[in-house]
Protein backbone atom coordinates (compact mmCIF):
# COMPACT_ATOMS: atom_id res chain seq x y z
CA MET A 1 -49.23 -33.33 33.10
CA THR A 2 -49.58 -36.63 31.23
CA ALA A 3 -53.10 -37.93 30.98
CA ARG A 4 -53.66 -41.24 32.76
CA ARG A 5 -54.77 -44.13 30.61
CA THR A 6 -57.13 -46.74 31.94
CA HIS A 7 -56.55 -50.41 31.30
CA GLY A 8 -57.72 -51.43 27.85
CA ASP A 9 -57.53 -47.96 26.30
CA PRO A 10 -55.69 -47.96 22.96
CA ALA A 11 -52.20 -46.48 22.97
CA PRO A 12 -52.03 -42.98 21.48
CA VAL A 13 -50.74 -42.88 17.93
CA PRO A 14 -47.60 -40.70 17.74
CA ARG A 15 -47.79 -37.78 15.34
CA ALA A 16 -45.44 -37.84 12.35
CA ALA A 17 -43.64 -34.74 13.60
CA ASP A 18 -43.05 -36.40 17.00
CA ALA A 19 -41.49 -39.42 15.33
CA VAL A 20 -38.78 -37.51 13.49
CA THR A 21 -38.28 -34.38 15.57
CA ASP A 22 -34.97 -35.73 16.87
CA ALA A 23 -32.96 -36.24 13.69
CA ALA A 24 -30.18 -38.05 15.54
CA ALA A 25 -32.60 -40.57 17.04
CA ALA A 26 -34.61 -41.26 13.88
CA THR A 27 -33.51 -44.41 12.08
CA ASP A 28 -32.73 -44.43 8.38
CA GLU A 29 -35.61 -46.84 7.85
CA ARG A 30 -38.07 -44.54 9.66
CA ILE A 31 -36.97 -41.55 7.60
CA ALA A 32 -37.24 -43.56 4.37
CA GLN A 33 -40.72 -44.83 5.20
CA GLY A 34 -41.89 -41.38 6.21
CA LEU A 35 -40.56 -39.80 3.03
CA ALA A 36 -42.21 -42.45 0.89
CA GLY A 37 -45.42 -41.77 2.79
CA GLY A 38 -45.30 -38.03 2.09
CA GLU A 39 -44.18 -36.74 5.49
CA GLU A 40 -42.49 -33.37 4.97
CA GLU A 41 -40.73 -33.67 8.32
CA CYS A 42 -38.89 -36.74 7.03
CA LEU A 43 -37.71 -34.81 3.97
CA ALA A 44 -36.27 -32.12 6.24
CA VAL A 45 -34.51 -34.74 8.38
CA ALA A 46 -33.18 -36.47 5.27
CA TYR A 47 -31.76 -33.17 4.07
CA ARG A 48 -30.01 -32.55 7.39
CA ARG A 49 -28.63 -36.09 7.47
CA TRP A 50 -27.53 -36.57 3.85
CA GLY A 51 -27.40 -33.08 2.38
CA ARG A 52 -23.66 -32.82 3.03
CA LEU A 53 -23.09 -36.16 1.28
CA VAL A 54 -25.03 -35.03 -1.78
CA HIS A 55 -23.22 -31.68 -1.86
CA THR A 56 -19.81 -33.34 -1.55
CA LEU A 57 -20.50 -35.73 -4.43
CA ALA A 58 -21.79 -32.90 -6.61
CA ALA A 59 -18.87 -30.59 -5.76
CA ARG A 60 -16.31 -33.28 -6.58
CA SER A 61 -17.88 -33.89 -9.99
CA LEU A 62 -18.60 -30.27 -10.88
CA GLY A 63 -15.65 -28.55 -9.22
CA ASP A 64 -17.92 -25.65 -8.29
CA PRO A 65 -19.35 -25.40 -4.75
CA ARG A 66 -22.03 -22.91 -5.78
CA GLU A 67 -23.23 -25.11 -8.62
CA ALA A 68 -23.12 -28.06 -6.22
CA GLU A 69 -25.48 -26.18 -3.91
CA ASP A 70 -27.91 -25.78 -6.79
CA VAL A 71 -27.67 -29.49 -7.59
CA THR A 72 -28.20 -30.40 -3.92
CA GLN A 73 -31.46 -28.46 -3.87
CA GLN A 74 -32.52 -30.14 -7.10
CA VAL A 75 -31.77 -33.59 -5.68
CA PHE A 76 -34.00 -33.20 -2.64
CA ASP A 77 -36.69 -31.47 -4.67
CA ALA A 78 -36.63 -34.42 -7.08
CA ALA A 79 -36.68 -36.86 -4.16
CA TRP A 80 -39.82 -35.22 -2.78
CA ARG A 81 -41.59 -35.03 -6.14
CA GLY A 82 -40.57 -38.59 -7.02
CA ARG A 83 -41.16 -40.12 -3.60
CA ALA A 84 -43.85 -42.41 -5.03
CA ASN A 85 -41.11 -44.16 -7.02
CA PHE A 86 -38.99 -44.89 -3.94
CA ARG A 87 -39.31 -48.39 -2.51
CA PRO A 88 -37.54 -48.77 0.86
CA GLU A 89 -37.60 -52.54 0.47
CA ARG A 90 -35.51 -52.31 -2.71
CA GLY A 91 -32.69 -50.18 -1.36
CA THR A 92 -31.65 -47.59 1.18
CA LEU A 93 -32.62 -43.95 1.03
CA PRO A 94 -28.98 -42.73 0.87
CA ALA A 95 -28.34 -44.98 -2.12
CA TRP A 96 -31.45 -43.63 -3.83
CA LEU A 97 -30.33 -40.06 -3.18
CA VAL A 98 -26.89 -40.84 -4.59
CA GLY A 99 -28.54 -42.14 -7.76
CA ILE A 100 -30.55 -38.94 -8.12
CA THR A 101 -27.38 -36.93 -7.49
CA ARG A 102 -25.57 -38.66 -10.33
CA ARG A 103 -28.40 -37.87 -12.73
CA LYS A 104 -28.57 -34.22 -11.65
CA VAL A 105 -24.79 -33.87 -11.94
CA ALA A 106 -24.98 -35.32 -15.46
CA ASP A 107 -27.69 -32.78 -16.31
CA ALA A 108 -25.55 -29.95 -14.91
CA LEU A 109 -22.51 -31.06 -16.90
CA ALA A 110 -24.61 -31.31 -20.07
CA ALA A 111 -25.96 -27.80 -19.48
CA ARG A 112 -22.42 -26.55 -18.92
CA THR A 113 -21.35 -28.13 -22.20
CA ARG A 114 -24.23 -26.43 -24.00
CA ARG A 115 -23.26 -23.08 -22.52
CA THR A 116 -19.64 -23.60 -23.53
CA GLU A 117 -20.65 -24.46 -27.07
CA LEU A 118 -22.97 -21.46 -27.24
CA ALA A 119 -20.23 -19.19 -25.91
CA ALA A 120 -17.84 -20.54 -28.54
CA THR A 121 -20.44 -19.98 -31.24
CA LEU A 122 -21.05 -16.46 -29.99
CA GLY A 123 -17.30 -15.77 -29.89
CA ALA A 124 -16.87 -16.95 -33.46
CA SER A 125 -19.85 -14.86 -34.51
CA LEU A 126 -18.48 -11.77 -32.80
CA GLU A 127 -15.07 -12.31 -34.38
CA HIS A 128 -16.68 -12.66 -37.80
CA GLU A 129 -18.72 -9.51 -37.26
CA HIS A 130 -15.62 -7.65 -36.19
CA ARG A 131 -13.72 -8.73 -39.28
CA SER A 132 -16.60 -7.78 -41.56
CA ASP A 133 -16.87 -4.35 -39.93
CA ALA A 134 -20.42 -5.05 -38.77
CA GLU A 135 -22.26 -2.36 -36.87
CA PRO A 136 -20.94 -2.07 -33.29
CA GLU A 137 -24.53 -2.02 -32.02
CA ARG A 138 -25.05 -5.63 -33.08
CA VAL A 139 -21.98 -6.76 -31.18
CA LEU A 140 -23.04 -4.74 -28.16
CA ASP A 141 -26.52 -6.22 -28.24
CA ARG A 142 -25.12 -9.74 -28.15
CA LEU A 143 -22.78 -8.91 -25.28
CA VAL A 144 -25.59 -7.31 -23.28
CA VAL A 145 -27.88 -10.29 -23.86
CA THR A 146 -25.13 -12.72 -22.87
CA GLU A 147 -24.42 -10.81 -19.67
CA GLU A 148 -28.09 -10.62 -18.70
CA LEU A 149 -28.64 -14.31 -19.45
CA ALA A 150 -25.82 -15.20 -17.05
CA ARG A 151 -27.77 -13.54 -14.23
CA LEU A 152 -30.91 -15.64 -14.70
CA PRO A 153 -31.75 -18.83 -12.80
CA ARG A 154 -30.24 -21.85 -14.51
CA VAL A 155 -33.44 -23.24 -16.09
CA GLN A 156 -34.58 -19.86 -17.44
CA ARG A 157 -31.08 -19.23 -18.79
CA ASP A 158 -30.93 -22.59 -20.55
CA VAL A 159 -34.32 -22.06 -22.21
CA LEU A 160 -33.50 -18.56 -23.46
CA GLU A 161 -30.02 -19.56 -24.63
CA LEU A 162 -31.52 -22.31 -26.76
CA ALA A 163 -34.04 -19.84 -28.14
CA TYR A 164 -31.64 -16.93 -28.68
CA PHE A 165 -28.41 -18.61 -29.72
CA ALA A 166 -29.56 -21.98 -31.08
CA ASP A 167 -32.63 -20.40 -32.72
CA LEU A 168 -34.95 -23.15 -31.49
CA THR A 169 -38.70 -22.80 -31.16
CA GLN A 170 -40.33 -23.44 -27.79
CA THR A 171 -41.62 -26.77 -29.08
CA GLN A 172 -38.10 -27.77 -30.14
CA ILE A 173 -36.75 -26.69 -26.75
CA ALA A 174 -39.35 -28.86 -25.03
CA ASP A 175 -38.33 -31.83 -27.19
CA ARG A 176 -34.62 -31.31 -26.51
CA THR A 177 -34.88 -30.73 -22.75
CA GLY A 178 -37.75 -33.10 -21.98
CA MET A 179 -39.69 -30.33 -20.25
CA PRO A 180 -43.43 -29.87 -20.93
CA LEU A 181 -44.14 -27.16 -23.48
CA GLY A 182 -46.08 -25.14 -20.91
CA THR A 183 -43.08 -25.22 -18.57
CA VAL A 184 -40.78 -24.02 -21.36
CA LYS A 185 -43.13 -21.15 -22.13
CA SER A 186 -43.33 -20.22 -18.45
CA HIS A 187 -39.53 -20.18 -18.03
CA ALA A 188 -39.10 -18.16 -21.22
CA ARG A 189 -41.72 -15.61 -20.16
CA ARG A 190 -40.27 -15.19 -16.68
CA GLY A 191 -36.73 -14.95 -17.99
CA LEU A 192 -37.66 -12.29 -20.51
CA GLN A 193 -39.55 -10.34 -17.85
CA ARG A 194 -36.49 -10.35 -15.59
CA MET A 195 -34.24 -9.25 -18.45
CA ARG A 196 -36.62 -6.45 -19.46
CA HIS A 197 -36.78 -5.28 -15.85
CA SER A 198 -32.99 -5.32 -15.59
CA LEU A 199 -32.45 -3.51 -18.87
CA ALA A 200 -35.25 -0.97 -18.47
CA PRO A 201 -33.30 1.63 -16.44
CA ALA A 202 -30.42 1.57 -18.93
CA GLY A 203 -32.72 2.05 -21.90
CA ALA A 204 -35.15 4.49 -20.36
CA GLY A 205 -33.27 7.52 -21.60
CA HIS A 206 -32.93 6.29 -25.20
């Protein structure tokens, strides 16, 4: 039953969740203002409304639906973390999301280029080792490492590839990627832990 309101009583202030529960009814402006104000419900509505747009743009540029899914998650994560930089009066929320998408797609393409270059370097190294009759164990080690790296989350993989194949220090990796040094160390540690866990059963009997 709805409580009766006497004359002169102030109107109840709607809760944030009430204002955006119906995604179809919420206006773009309301969603944009709520996101800028830190309302998580508005982020969820924005994802439902424009997630397909972001994914389509990423998939067209990358040609890989799975990688586009990763980029889509990154876009909305970046939108939430960078919401203080969004100004609804300067442009629409969809346009802002498209701008973030373009930057994340560029990052993904750059990472893909780095992986291609590293793979080419590894291939040349393996070919050289084969021609010089290097120990098969060295070749096997590189192949195992490459396979395990491919199973890691993208950021952890990028950090360890730069460390393992490009022979960069963690400080140099931080400078190249723009990530804080502590973040680089965290990704490297977690990636190595996952690789050790994956390789442990195979090496337990040796």
